[in-house]
Amino acid sequence: MLTDTDVETAARNGAVRPKEVYESKGCRAQCGNCVPGVVCILRQLARQGRKVMPEVAHVHPDMQAI
């Protein structure tokens, strides 16, 4: 299970894309339903000026198959 805290921790450690968040936890998206939530958190962190790149605003279609 991937939590908001997991996403925030991964972002602080340099993750800027959902795939990098999953890799930081040693997991991968199974069905892809959680990817939009991960992107949302990464966007929020970017707006707050945290260490996240703005290109995360667009989910690549292949991200569903991570």
C-alpha atoms as a PDB file:
ATOM      1  CA  MET A   1       0.000   0.000   0.000  1.00  0.00           C
ATOM      2  CA  LEU A   2       1.316   3.416  -1.017  1.00  0.00           C
ATOM      3  CA  THR A   3       0.470   6.310   1.316  1.00  0.00           C
ATOM      4  CA  ASP A   4       0.581  10.089   0.912  1.00  0.00           C
ATOM      5  CA  THR A   5       3.599  10.099   3.202  1.00  0.00           C
ATOM      6  CA  ASP A   6       5.330   7.564   0.952  1.00  0.00           C
ATOM      7  CA  VAL A   7       4.806   9.861  -2.041  1.00  0.00           C
ATOM      8  CA  GLU A   8       6.043  12.909  -0.126  1.00  0.00           C
ATOM      9  CA  THR A   9       9.115  11.050   1.113  1.00  0.00           C
ATOM     10  CA  ALA A  10       9.900   9.812  -2.388  1.00  0.00           C
ATOM     11  CA  ALA A  11       9.542  13.367  -3.732  1.00  0.00           C
ATOM     12  CA  ARG A  12      11.901  14.709  -1.063  1.00  0.00           C
ATOM     13  CA  ASN A  13      14.373  12.049  -2.181  1.00  0.00           C
ATOM     14  CA  GLY A  14      14.165  13.173  -5.795  1.00  0.00           C
ATOM     15  CA  ALA A  15      11.210  11.288  -7.309  1.00  0.00           C
ATOM     16  CA  VAL A  16       9.436  13.440  -9.886  1.00  0.00           C
ATOM     17  CA  ARG A  17       7.323  10.849 -11.716  1.00  0.00           C
ATOM     18  CA  PRO A  18       4.923   8.176 -10.476  1.00  0.00           C
ATOM     19  CA  LYS A  19       7.256   5.399 -11.644  1.00  0.00           C
ATOM     20  CA  GLU A  20      10.018   6.832  -9.447  1.00  0.00           C
ATOM     21  CA  VAL A  21       7.674   6.953  -6.461  1.00  0.00           C
ATOM     22  CA  TYR A  22       6.827   3.269  -6.903  1.00  0.00           C
ATOM     23  CA  GLU A  23      10.482   2.352  -7.368  1.00  0.00           C
ATOM     24  CA  SER A  24      11.356   4.140  -4.123  1.00  0.00           C
ATOM     25  CA  LYS A  25       8.975   1.792  -2.313  1.00  0.00           C
ATOM     26  CA  GLY A  26      10.058  -1.290  -4.236  1.00  0.00           C
ATOM     27  CA  CYS A  27       6.628  -1.732  -5.776  1.00  0.00           C
ATOM     28  CA  ARG A  28       4.772  -0.984  -8.989  1.00  0.00           C
ATOM     29  CA  ALA A  29       1.284   0.069  -9.984  1.00  0.00           C
ATOM     30  CA  GLN A  30      -0.849  -2.995 -10.537  1.00  0.00           C
ATOM     31  CA  CYS A  31      -3.999  -1.610 -12.164  1.00  0.00           C
ATOM     32  CA  GLY A  32      -2.975   2.045 -12.458  1.00  0.00           C
ATOM     33  CA  ASN A  33      -5.904   3.405 -10.448  1.00  0.00           C
ATOM     34  CA  CYS A  34      -3.538   4.991  -7.917  1.00  0.00           C
ATOM     35  CA  VAL A  35      -1.432   6.813 -10.533  1.00  0.00           C
ATOM     36  CA  PRO A  36      -3.743   9.877 -10.724  1.00  0.00           C
ATOM     37  CA  GLY A  37      -3.562  10.221  -6.937  1.00  0.00           C
ATOM     38  CA  VAL A  38       0.227  10.032  -6.996  1.00  0.00           C
ATOM     39  CA  VAL A  39       0.317  12.661  -9.745  1.00  0.00           C
ATOM     40  CA  CYS A  40      -2.043  14.865  -7.736  1.00  0.00           C
ATOM     41  CA  ILE A  41       0.236  14.748  -4.691  1.00  0.00           C
ATOM     42  CA  LEU A  42       3.312  15.433  -6.829  1.00  0.00           C
ATOM     43  CA  ARG A  43       1.506  18.443  -8.361  1.00  0.00           C
ATOM     44  CA  GLN A  44       0.579  19.771  -4.922  1.00  0.00           C
ATOM     45  CA  LEU A  45       4.178  19.467  -3.786  1.00  0.00           C
ATOM     46  CA  ALA A  46       5.340  21.269  -6.943  1.00  0.00           C
ATOM     47  CA  ARG A  47       2.910  24.128  -6.265  1.00  0.00           C
ATOM     48  CA  GLN A  48       4.271  24.376  -2.734  1.00  0.00           C
ATOM     49  CA  GLY A  49       7.766  24.727  -4.159  1.00  0.00           C
ATOM     50  CA  ARG A  50       8.968  21.329  -3.060  1.00  0.00           C
ATOM     51  CA  LYS A  51      11.559  19.351  -5.024  1.00  0.00           C
ATOM     52  CA  VAL A  52       9.286  18.151  -7.815  1.00  0.00           C
ATOM     53  CA  MET A  53       9.488  19.034 -11.494  1.00  0.00           C
ATOM     54  CA  PRO A  54       6.422  20.672 -13.125  1.00  0.00           C
ATOM     55  CA  GLU A  55       6.380  18.209 -16.025  1.00  0.00           C
ATOM     56  CA  VAL A  56       4.635  15.800 -13.661  1.00  0.00           C
ATOM     57  CA  ALA A  57       1.433  17.681 -14.484  1.00  0.00           C
ATOM     58  CA  HIS A  58       0.875  15.378 -17.454  1.00  0.00           C
ATOM     59  CA  VAL A  59       0.590  11.629 -17.002  1.00  0.00           C
ATOM     60  CA  HIS A  60       2.040   9.742 -19.925  1.00  0.00           C
ATOM     61  CA  PRO A  61      -0.391   7.026 -21.148  1.00  0.00           C
ATOM     62  CA  ASP A  62       2.263   4.383 -20.520  1.00  0.00           C
ATOM     63  CA  MET A  63       2.282   5.231 -16.807  1.00  0.00           C
ATOM     64  CA  GLN A  64      -0.870   3.154 -16.438  1.00  0.00           C
ATOM     65  CA  ALA A  65       1.171   0.052 -17.273  1.00  0.00           C
ATOM     66  CA  ILE A  66       3.998   0.585 -14.789  1.00  0.00           C
END
